[in-house]
Amino acid sequence: MGNQAKRVMKDLQREIAHDFDEWNKDLQKNLKSTTPTQTGTARRGWKNKYNNEIGKQRSFVIAENKVPYIGVLDTGSSKQAPRGIVLPALKQTKQG
């Protein structure tokens, strides 16, 4: 691969990473806004989890929440979020 092709690939990878990071910020914002609050623990529980690099590519989980009852909230158990959390947040992010 020539130098120009390598530069184009590097620029493309950088642009894709930037676009994904922006999308991920929107998703995080939407996850937090759709998470019901009583004490705020579940809302504060949303984090990005970056894993170590695998080869030359960064591998990561988009979002995770280790609050023990987040799964129950995501099933729509709260009157504040009867449709759950994750699917509405993804839909809102996609429409963004």
PDB file of N, CA and C in Angstrom:
ATOM      1  N   MET A   1       0.851  -1.172   0.000  1.00  0.00           N
ATOM      2  CA  MET A   1       0.000   0.000   0.000  1.00  0.00           C
ATOM      3  C   MET A   1       0.897   1.236   0.000  1.00  0.00           C
ATOM      4  N   GLY A   2       0.605   2.183  -0.882  1.00  0.00           N
ATOM      5  CA  GLY A   2       1.415   3.385  -0.989  1.00  0.00           C
ATOM      6  C   GLY A   2       1.181   4.335   0.182  1.00  0.00           C
ATOM      7  N   ASN A   3       2.072   5.322   0.288  1.00  0.00           N
ATOM      8  CA  ASN A   3       1.967   6.293   1.375  1.00  0.00           C
ATOM      9  C   ASN A   3       0.649   7.060   1.362  1.00  0.00           C
ATOM     10  N   GLN A   4       0.195   7.428   0.171  1.00  0.00           N
ATOM     11  CA  GLN A   4      -1.057   8.184   0.089  1.00  0.00           C
ATOM     12  C   GLN A   4      -2.234   7.323   0.563  1.00  0.00           C
ATOM     13  N   ALA A   5      -2.250   6.068   0.177  1.00  0.00           N
ATOM     14  CA  ALA A   5      -3.316   5.158   0.597  1.00  0.00           C
ATOM     15  C   ALA A   5      -3.282   4.965   2.109  1.00  0.00           C
ATOM     16  N   LYS A   6      -2.083   4.853   2.681  1.00  0.00           N
ATOM     17  CA  LYS A   6      -1.963   4.705   4.137  1.00  0.00           C
ATOM     18  C   LYS A   6      -2.495   5.937   4.847  1.00  0.00           C
ATOM     19  N   ARG A   7      -2.182   7.117   4.310  1.00  0.00           N
ATOM     20  CA  ARG A   7      -2.670   8.372   4.897  1.00  0.00           C
ATOM     21  C   ARG A   7      -4.189   8.445   4.850  1.00  0.00           C
ATOM     22  N   VAL A   8      -4.749   8.054   3.704  1.00  0.00           N
ATOM     23  CA  VAL A   8      -6.206   8.070   3.542  1.00  0.00           C
ATOM     24  C   VAL A   8      -6.853   7.116   4.539  1.00  0.00           C
ATOM     25  N   MET A   9      -6.289   5.927   4.687  1.00  0.00           N
ATOM     26  CA  MET A   9      -6.820   4.950   5.643  1.00  0.00           C
ATOM     27  C   MET A   9      -6.735   5.475   7.080  1.00  0.00           C
ATOM     28  N   LYS A  10      -5.619   6.074   7.417  1.00  0.00           N
ATOM     29  CA  LYS A  10      -5.446   6.616   8.768  1.00  0.00           C
ATOM     30  C   LYS A  10      -6.451   7.743   9.027  1.00  0.00           C
ATOM     31  N   ASP A  11      -6.631   8.626   8.045  1.00  0.00           N
ATOM     32  CA  ASP A  11      -7.610   9.709   8.190  1.00  0.00           C
ATOM     33  C   ASP A  11      -9.019   9.153   8.326  1.00  0.00           C
ATOM     34  N   LEU A  12      -9.333   8.145   7.546  1.00  0.00           N
ATOM     35  CA  LEU A  12     -10.656   7.525   7.604  1.00  0.00           C
ATOM     36  C   LEU A  12     -10.898   6.880   8.967  1.00  0.00           C
ATOM     37  N   GLN A  13      -9.900   6.162   9.478  1.00  0.00           N
ATOM     38  CA  GLN A  13     -10.027   5.540  10.792  1.00  0.00           C
ATOM     39  C   GLN A  13     -10.223   6.585  11.880  1.00  0.00           C
ATOM     40  N   ARG A  14      -9.504   7.690  11.776  1.00  0.00           N
ATOM     41  CA  ARG A  14      -9.628   8.771  12.751  1.00  0.00           C
ATOM     42  C   ARG A  14     -11.033   9.387  12.697  1.00  0.00           C
ATOM     43  N   GLU A  15     -11.546   9.580  11.481  1.00  0.00           N
ATOM     44  CA  GLU A  15     -12.878  10.159  11.319  1.00  0.00           C
ATOM     45  C   GLU A  15     -13.964   9.224  11.849  1.00  0.00           C
ATOM     46  N   ILE A  16     -13.823   7.940  11.573  1.00  0.00           N
ATOM     47  CA  ILE A  16     -14.788   6.954  12.075  1.00  0.00           C
ATOM     48  C   ILE A  16     -14.755   6.933  13.597  1.00  0.00           C
ATOM     49  N   ALA A  17     -13.574   6.940  14.189  1.00  0.00           N
ATOM     50  CA  ALA A  17     -13.444   6.942  15.648  1.00  0.00           C
ATOM     51  C   ALA A  17     -14.089   8.192  16.242  1.00  0.00           C
ATOM     52  N   HIS A  18     -13.865   9.340  15.615  1.00  0.00           N
ATOM     53  CA  HIS A  18     -14.455  10.591  16.103  1.00  0.00           C
ATOM     54  C   HIS A  18     -15.981  10.529  16.028  1.00  0.00           C
ATOM     55  N   ASP A  19     -16.507  10.069  14.884  1.00  0.00           N
ATOM     56  CA  ASP A  19     -17.959   9.965  14.724  1.00  0.00           C
ATOM     57  C   ASP A  19     -18.556   9.000  15.743  1.00  0.00           C
ATOM     58  N   PHE A  20     -17.875   7.872  15.973  1.00  0.00           N
ATOM     59  CA  PHE A  20     -18.371   6.907  16.953  1.00  0.00           C
ATOM     60  C   PHE A  20     -18.338   7.504  18.348  1.00  0.00           C
ATOM     61  N   ASP A  21     -17.269   8.216  18.690  1.00  0.00           N
ATOM     62  CA  ASP A  21     -17.185   8.846  20.008  1.00  0.00           C
ATOM     63  C   ASP A  21     -18.322   9.842  20.214  1.00  0.00           C
ATOM     64  N   GLU A  22     -18.658  10.613  19.184  1.00  0.00           N
ATOM     65  CA  GLU A  22     -19.767  11.566  19.272  1.00  0.00           C
ATOM     66  C   GLU A  22     -21.094  10.828  19.449  1.00  0.00           C
ATOM     67  N   TRP A  23     -21.292   9.761  18.690  1.00  0.00           N
ATOM     68  CA  TRP A  23     -22.503   8.953  18.827  1.00  0.00           C
ATOM     69  C   TRP A  23     -22.589   8.360  20.223  1.00  0.00           C
ATOM     70  N   ASN A  24     -21.460   7.881  20.720  1.00  0.00           N
ATOM     71  CA  ASN A  24     -21.421   7.269  22.047  1.00  0.00           C
ATOM     72  C   ASN A  24     -21.734   8.295  23.133  1.00  0.00           C
ATOM     73  N   LYS A  25     -21.263   9.529  22.988  1.00  0.00           N
ATOM     74  CA  LYS A  25     -21.600  10.584  23.954  1.00  0.00           C
ATOM     75  C   LYS A  25     -23.100  10.825  23.970  1.00  0.00           C
ATOM     76  N   ASP A  26     -23.717  10.844  22.789  1.00  0.00           N
ATOM     77  CA  ASP A  26     -25.164  11.015  22.705  1.00  0.00           C
ATOM     78  C   ASP A  26     -25.889   9.844  23.373  1.00  0.00           C
ATOM     79  N   LEU A  27     -25.402   8.625  23.127  1.00  0.00           N
ATOM     80  CA  LEU A  27     -26.016   7.455  23.744  1.00  0.00           C
ATOM     81  C   LEU A  27     -25.925   7.540  25.258  1.00  0.00           C
ATOM     82  N   GLN A  28     -24.749   7.890  25.785  1.00  0.00           N
ATOM     83  CA  GLN A  28     -24.587   8.014  27.238  1.00  0.00           C
ATOM     84  C   GLN A  28     -25.568   9.037  27.810  1.00  0.00           C
ATOM     85  N   LYS A  29     -25.691  10.177  27.141  1.00  0.00           N
ATOM     86  CA  LYS A  29     -26.613  11.221  27.586  1.00  0.00           C
ATOM     87  C   LYS A  29     -28.043  10.682  27.593  1.00  0.00           C
ATOM     88  N   ASN A  30     -28.420   9.955  26.546  1.00  0.00           N
ATOM     89  CA  ASN A  30     -29.770   9.419  26.446  1.00  0.00           C
ATOM     90  C   ASN A  30     -30.025   8.293  27.443  1.00  0.00           C
ATOM     91  N   LEU A  31     -29.024   7.452  27.700  1.00  0.00           N
ATOM     92  CA  LEU A  31     -29.176   6.408  28.722  1.00  0.00           C
ATOM     93  C   LEU A  31     -29.443   7.052  30.086  1.00  0.00           C
ATOM     94  N   LYS A  32     -28.669   8.077  30.386  1.00  0.00           N
ATOM     95  CA  LYS A  32     -28.850   8.742  31.679  1.00  0.00           C
ATOM     96  C   LYS A  32     -30.205   9.421  31.779  1.00  0.00           C
ATOM     97  N   SER A  33     -30.643  10.040  30.684  1.00  0.00           N
ATOM     98  CA  SER A  33     -31.916  10.758  30.742  1.00  0.00           C
ATOM     99  C   SER A  33     -33.113   9.805  30.794  1.00  0.00           C
ATOM    100  N   THR A  34     -32.989   8.585  30.257  1.00  0.00           N
ATOM    101  CA  THR A  34     -34.109   7.641  30.303  1.00  0.00           C
ATOM    102  C   THR A  34     -34.095   6.765  31.555  1.00  0.00           C
ATOM    103  N   THR A  35     -33.028   6.836  32.342  1.00  0.00           N
ATOM    104  CA  THR A  35     -32.943   6.050  33.570  1.00  0.00           C
ATOM    105  C   THR A  35     -33.742   6.732  34.670  1.00  0.00           C
ATOM    106  N   PRO A  36     -34.700   6.002  35.260  1.00  0.00           N
ATOM    107  CA  PRO A  36     -35.489   6.606  36.327  1.00  0.00           C
ATOM    108  C   PRO A  36     -34.622   6.917  37.548  1.00  0.00           C
ATOM    109  N   THR A  37     -35.054   7.913  38.292  1.00  0.00           N
ATOM    110  CA  THR A  37     -34.288   8.290  39.478  1.00  0.00           C
ATOM    111  C   THR A  37     -35.148   8.239  40.725  1.00  0.00           C
ATOM    112  N   GLN A  38     -34.564   7.700  41.746  1.00  0.00           N
ATOM    113  CA  GLN A  38     -35.115   7.811  43.090  1.00  0.00           C
ATOM    114  C   GLN A  38     -34.002   8.380  43.952  1.00  0.00           C
ATOM    115  N   THR A  39     -32.852   7.702  43.897  1.00  0.00           N
ATOM    116  CA  THR A  39     -31.682   8.211  44.620  1.00  0.00           C
ATOM    117  C   THR A  39     -30.615   8.730  43.660  1.00  0.00           C
ATOM    118  N   GLY A  40     -30.710   8.368  42.377  1.00  0.00           N
ATOM    119  CA  GLY A  40     -29.728   8.773  41.380  1.00  0.00           C
ATOM    120  C   GLY A  40     -28.621   7.758  41.156  1.00  0.00           C
ATOM    121  N   THR A  41     -28.622   6.686  41.934  1.00  0.00           N
ATOM    122  CA  THR A  41     -27.559   5.678  41.822  1.00  0.00           C
ATOM    123  C   THR A  41     -27.555   5.013  40.449  1.00  0.00           C
ATOM    124  N   ALA A  42     -28.714   4.614  39.962  1.00  0.00           N
ATOM    125  CA  ALA A  42     -28.782   3.936  38.658  1.00  0.00           C
ATOM    126  C   ALA A  42     -28.348   4.869  37.536  1.00  0.00           C
ATOM    127  N   ARG A  43     -28.751   6.116  37.609  1.00  0.00           N
ATOM    128  CA  ARG A  43     -28.383   7.088  36.568  1.00  0.00           C
ATOM    129  C   ARG A  43     -26.872   7.312  36.565  1.00  0.00           C
ATOM    130  N   ARG A  44     -26.277   7.406  37.741  1.00  0.00           N
ATOM    131  CA  ARG A  44     -24.825   7.614  37.827  1.00  0.00           C
ATOM    132  C   ARG A  44     -24.040   6.358  37.466  1.00  0.00           C
ATOM    133  N   GLY A  45     -24.717   5.220  37.402  1.00  0.00           N
ATOM    134  CA  GLY A  45     -24.044   3.945  37.137  1.00  0.00           C
ATOM    135  C   GLY A  45     -23.602   3.737  35.702  1.00  0.00           C
ATOM    136  N   TRP A  46     -24.094   4.538  34.754  1.00  0.00           N
ATOM    137  CA  TRP A  46     -23.716   4.358  33.349  1.00  0.00           C
ATOM    138  C   TRP A  46     -22.280   4.788  33.110  1.00  0.00           C
ATOM    139  N   LYS A  47     -21.471   3.877  32.580  1.00  0.00           N
ATOM    140  CA  LYS A  47     -20.050   4.129  32.316  1.00  0.00           C
ATOM    141  C   LYS A  47     -19.655   3.509  30.986  1.00  0.00           C
ATOM    142  N   ASN A  48     -18.630   4.073  30.385  1.00  0.00           N
ATOM    143  CA  ASN A  48     -17.965   3.430  29.256  1.00  0.00           C
ATOM    144  C   ASN A  48     -16.876   2.554  29.840  1.00  0.00           C
ATOM    145  N   LYS A  49     -16.751   1.379  29.303  1.00  0.00           N
ATOM    146  CA  LYS A  49     -15.709   0.475  29.768  1.00  0.00           C
ATOM    147  C   LYS A  49     -14.782   0.190  28.600  1.00  0.00           C
ATOM    148  N   TYR A  50     -13.581   0.710  28.667  1.00  0.00           N
ATOM    149  CA  TYR A  50     -12.596   0.482  27.619  1.00  0.00           C
ATOM    150  C   TYR A  50     -11.712  -0.683  28.023  1.00  0.00           C
ATOM    151  N   ASN A  51     -11.574  -1.633  27.142  1.00  0.00           N
ATOM    152  CA  ASN A  51     -10.698  -2.777  27.362  1.00  0.00           C
ATOM    153  C   ASN A  51      -9.330  -2.472  26.778  1.00  0.00           C
ATOM    154  N   ASN A  52      -8.398  -3.335  27.046  1.00  0.00           N
ATOM    155  CA  ASN A  52      -7.071  -3.194  26.454  1.00  0.00           C
ATOM    156  C   ASN A  52      -7.160  -3.344  24.946  1.00  0.00           C
ATOM    157  N   GLU A  53      -6.165  -2.823  24.276  1.00  0.00           N
ATOM    158  CA  GLU A  53      -6.141  -2.953  22.829  1.00  0.00           C
ATOM    159  C   GLU A  53      -5.960  -4.407  22.442  1.00  0.00           C
ATOM    160  N   ILE A  54      -6.641  -4.785  21.388  1.00  0.00           N
ATOM    161  CA  ILE A  54      -6.505  -6.124  20.832  1.00  0.00           C
ATOM    162  C   ILE A  54      -5.860  -5.936  19.469  1.00  0.00           C
ATOM    163  N   GLY A  55      -4.638  -6.364  19.332  1.00  0.00           N
ATOM    164  CA  GLY A  55      -3.907  -6.089  18.104  1.00  0.00           C
ATOM    165  C   GLY A  55      -3.701  -4.594  17.987  1.00  0.00           C
ATOM    166  N   LYS A  56      -4.102  -4.024  16.883  1.00  0.00           N
ATOM    167  CA  LYS A  56      -3.951  -2.583  16.685  1.00  0.00           C
ATOM    168  C   LYS A  56      -5.274  -1.845  16.863  1.00  0.00           C
ATOM    169  N   GLN A  57      -6.331  -2.576  17.222  1.00  0.00           N
ATOM    170  CA  GLN A  57      -7.640  -1.946  17.342  1.00  0.00           C
ATOM    171  C   GLN A  57      -8.060  -1.853  18.804  1.00  0.00           C
ATOM    172  N   ARG A  58      -8.700  -0.736  19.143  1.00  0.00           N
ATOM    173  CA  ARG A  58      -9.222  -0.542  20.487  1.00  0.00           C
ATOM    174  C   ARG A  58     -10.541  -1.299  20.585  1.00  0.00           C
ATOM    175  N   SER A  59     -10.707  -2.057  21.624  1.00  0.00           N
ATOM    176  CA  SER A  59     -11.920  -2.819  21.842  1.00  0.00           C
ATOM    177  C   SER A  59     -12.596  -2.274  23.096  1.00  0.00           C
ATOM    178  N   PHE A  60     -13.913  -2.106  23.062  1.00  0.00           N
ATOM    179  CA  PHE A  60     -14.592  -1.592  24.244  1.00  0.00           C
ATOM    180  C   PHE A  60     -16.056  -1.953  24.241  1.00  0.00           C
ATOM    181  N   VAL A  61     -16.634  -1.862  25.409  1.00  0.00           N
ATOM    182  CA  VAL A  61     -18.064  -2.015  25.591  1.00  0.00           C
ATOM    183  C   VAL A  61     -18.647  -0.618  25.499  1.00  0.00           C
ATOM    184  N   ILE A  62     -19.709  -0.433  24.748  1.00  0.00           N
ATOM    185  CA  ILE A  62     -20.280   0.902  24.575  1.00  0.00           C
ATOM    186  C   ILE A  62     -20.699   1.480  25.913  1.00  0.00           C
ATOM    187  N   ALA A  63     -21.496   0.748  26.662  1.00  0.00           N
ATOM    188  CA  ALA A  63     -21.969   1.248  27.946  1.00  0.00           C
ATOM    189  C   ALA A  63     -22.275   0.068  28.853  1.00  0.00           C
ATOM    190  N   GLU A  64     -22.049   0.287  30.115  1.00  0.00           N
ATOM    191  CA  GLU A  64     -22.419  -0.725  31.089  1.00  0.00           C
ATOM    192  C   GLU A  64     -22.899  -0.024  32.345  1.00  0.00           C
ATOM    193  N   ASN A  65     -23.685  -0.755  33.110  1.00  0.00           N
ATOM    194  CA  ASN A  65     -24.185  -0.231  34.370  1.00  0.00           C
ATOM    195  C   ASN A  65     -24.172  -1.392  35.350  1.00  0.00           C
ATOM    196  N   LYS A  66     -23.339  -1.301  36.367  1.00  0.00           N
ATOM    197  CA  LYS A  66     -23.176  -2.398  37.321  1.00  0.00           C
ATOM    198  C   LYS A  66     -24.102  -2.293  38.528  1.00  0.00           C
ATOM    199  N   VAL A  67     -25.032  -1.348  38.496  1.00  0.00           N
ATOM    200  CA  VAL A  67     -26.009  -1.246  39.573  1.00  0.00           C
ATOM    201  C   VAL A  67     -26.834  -2.533  39.549  1.00  0.00           C
ATOM    202  N   PRO A  68     -26.944  -3.243  40.682  1.00  0.00           N
ATOM    203  CA  PRO A  68     -27.566  -4.565  40.692  1.00  0.00           C
ATOM    204  C   PRO A  68     -28.992  -4.624  40.134  1.00  0.00           C
ATOM    205  N   TYR A  69     -29.744  -3.566  40.256  1.00  0.00           N
ATOM    206  CA  TYR A  69     -31.152  -3.596  39.839  1.00  0.00           C
ATOM    207  C   TYR A  69     -31.399  -2.926  38.488  1.00  0.00           C
ATOM    208  N   ILE A  70     -30.347  -2.628  37.732  1.00  0.00           N
ATOM    209  CA  ILE A  70     -30.531  -1.951  36.452  1.00  0.00           C
ATOM    210  C   ILE A  70     -31.332  -2.819  35.476  1.00  0.00           C
ATOM    211  N   GLY A  71     -31.136  -4.114  35.524  1.00  0.00           N
ATOM    212  CA  GLY A  71     -31.890  -5.021  34.648  1.00  0.00           C
ATOM    213  C   GLY A  71     -33.381  -4.969  34.931  1.00  0.00           C
ATOM    214  N   VAL A  72     -33.755  -4.880  36.191  1.00  0.00           N
ATOM    215  CA  VAL A  72     -35.166  -4.779  36.572  1.00  0.00           C
ATOM    216  C   VAL A  72     -35.741  -3.462  36.060  1.00  0.00           C
ATOM    217  N   LEU A  73     -34.992  -2.372  36.219  1.00  0.00           N
ATOM    218  CA  LEU A  73     -35.454  -1.079  35.711  1.00  0.00           C
ATOM    219  C   LEU A  73     -35.609  -1.115  34.192  1.00  0.00           C
ATOM    220  N   ASP A  74     -34.700  -1.820  33.520  1.00  0.00           N
ATOM    221  CA  ASP A  74     -34.734  -1.870  32.057  1.00  0.00           C
ATOM    222  C   ASP A  74     -35.915  -2.685  31.535  1.00  0.00           C
ATOM    223  N   THR A  75     -36.533  -3.490  32.384  1.00  0.00           N
ATOM    224  CA  THR A  75     -37.719  -4.245  31.954  1.00  0.00           C
ATOM    225  C   THR A  75     -38.982  -3.406  32.047  1.00  0.00           C
ATOM    226  N   GLY A  76     -38.873  -2.167  32.529  1.00  0.00           N
ATOM    227  CA  GLY A  76     -40.034  -1.290  32.612  1.00  0.00           C
ATOM    228  C   GLY A  76     -40.728  -1.337  33.953  1.00  0.00           C
ATOM    229  N   SER A  77     -40.019  -1.757  34.990  1.00  0.00           N
ATOM    230  CA  SER A  77     -40.630  -1.871  36.315  1.00  0.00           C
ATOM    231  C   SER A  77     -40.921  -0.519  36.967  1.00  0.00           C
ATOM    232  N   SER A  78     -40.323   0.527  36.466  1.00  0.00           N
ATOM    233  CA  SER A  78     -40.516   1.856  37.039  1.00  0.00           C
ATOM    234  C   SER A  78     -41.582   2.626  36.271  1.00  0.00           C
ATOM    235  N   LYS A  79     -42.438   3.324  37.003  1.00  0.00           N
ATOM    236  CA  LYS A  79     -43.438   4.177  36.356  1.00  0.00           C
ATOM    237  C   LYS A  79     -42.769   5.320  35.601  1.00  0.00           C
ATOM    238  N   GLN A  80     -41.548   5.682  36.007  1.00  0.00           N
ATOM    239  CA  GLN A  80     -40.812   6.752  35.327  1.00  0.00           C
ATOM    240  C   GLN A  80     -40.283   6.302  33.963  1.00  0.00           C
ATOM    241  N   ALA A  81     -40.084   5.001  33.797  1.00  0.00           N
ATOM    242  CA  ALA A  81     -39.552   4.471  32.529  1.00  0.00           C
ATOM    243  C   ALA A  81     -40.278   3.171  32.184  1.00  0.00           C
ATOM    244  N   PRO A  82     -41.583   3.242  31.890  1.00  0.00           N
ATOM    245  CA  PRO A  82     -42.344   2.016  31.634  1.00  0.00           C
ATOM    246  C   PRO A  82     -41.912   1.264  30.375  1.00  0.00           C
ATOM    247  N   ARG A  83     -41.191   1.930  29.482  1.00  0.00           N
ATOM    248  CA  ARG A  83     -40.705   1.261  28.263  1.00  0.00           C
ATOM    249  C   ARG A  83     -39.268   0.772  28.418  1.00  0.00           C
ATOM    250  N   GLY A  84     -38.724   0.893  29.612  1.00  0.00           N
ATOM    251  CA  GLY A  84     -37.358   0.473  29.850  1.00  0.00           C
ATOM    252  C   GLY A  84     -36.378   1.625  29.638  1.00  0.00           C
ATOM    253  N   ILE A  85     -35.117   1.278  29.492  1.00  0.00           N
ATOM    254  CA  ILE A  85     -34.058   2.283  29.421  1.00  0.00           C
ATOM    255  C   ILE A  85     -33.273   2.184  28.118  1.00  0.00           C
ATOM    256  N   VAL A  86     -32.714   1.029  27.856  1.00  0.00           N
ATOM    257  CA  VAL A  86     -31.750   0.877  26.768  1.00  0.00           C
ATOM    258  C   VAL A  86     -32.383   1.069  25.391  1.00  0.00           C
ATOM    259  N   LEU A  87     -33.477   0.372  25.108  1.00  0.00           N
ATOM    260  CA  LEU A  87     -34.076   0.500  23.769  1.00  0.00           C
ATOM    261  C   LEU A  87     -34.557   1.921  23.481  1.00  0.00           C
ATOM    262  N   PRO A  88     -35.248   2.590  24.413  1.00  0.00           N
ATOM    263  CA  PRO A  88     -35.606   3.989  24.143  1.00  0.00           C
ATOM    264  C   PRO A  88     -34.388   4.891  23.941  1.00  0.00           C
ATOM    265  N   ALA A  89     -33.320   4.649  24.697  1.00  0.00           N
ATOM    266  CA  ALA A  89     -32.107   5.469  24.545  1.00  0.00           C
ATOM    267  C   ALA A  89     -31.464   5.233  23.180  1.00  0.00           C
ATOM    268  N   LEU A  90     -31.414   3.966  22.752  1.00  0.00           N
ATOM    269  CA  LEU A  90     -30.854   3.673  21.426  1.00  0.00           C
ATOM    270  C   LEU A  90     -31.703   4.301  20.323  1.00  0.00           C
ATOM    271  N   LYS A  91     -33.015   4.206  20.461  1.00  0.00           N
ATOM    272  CA  LYS A  91     -33.914   4.786  19.464  1.00  0.00           C
ATOM    273  C   LYS A  91     -33.723   6.296  19.399  1.00  0.00           C
ATOM    274  N   GLN A  92     -33.635   6.943  20.558  1.00  0.00           N
ATOM    275  CA  GLN A  92     -33.436   8.391  20.614  1.00  0.00           C
ATOM    276  C   GLN A  92     -32.096   8.771  19.999  1.00  0.00           C
ATOM    277  N   THR A  93     -31.069   7.999  20.254  1.00  0.00           N
ATOM    278  CA  THR A  93     -29.743   8.270  19.713  1.00  0.00           C
ATOM    279  C   THR A  93     -29.744   8.094  18.195  1.00  0.00           C
ATOM    280  N   LYS A  94     -30.406   7.063  17.726  1.00  0.00           N
ATOM    281  CA  LYS A  94     -30.472   6.794  16.289  1.00  0.00           C
ATOM    282  C   LYS A  94     -31.179   7.922  15.558  1.00  0.00           C
ATOM    283  N   GLN A  95     -32.225   8.478  16.160  1.00  0.00           N
ATOM    284  CA  GLN A  95     -32.992   9.564  15.538  1.00  0.00           C
ATOM    285  C   GLN A  95     -32.248  10.887  15.597  1.00  0.00           C
ATOM    286  N   GLY A  96     -31.369  11.021  16.627  1.00  0.00           N
ATOM    287  CA  GLY A  96     -30.632  12.225  16.935  1.00  0.00           C
ATOM    288  C   GLY A  96     -30.285  13.078  15.811  1.00  0.00           C
TER     289      GLY A  96
END
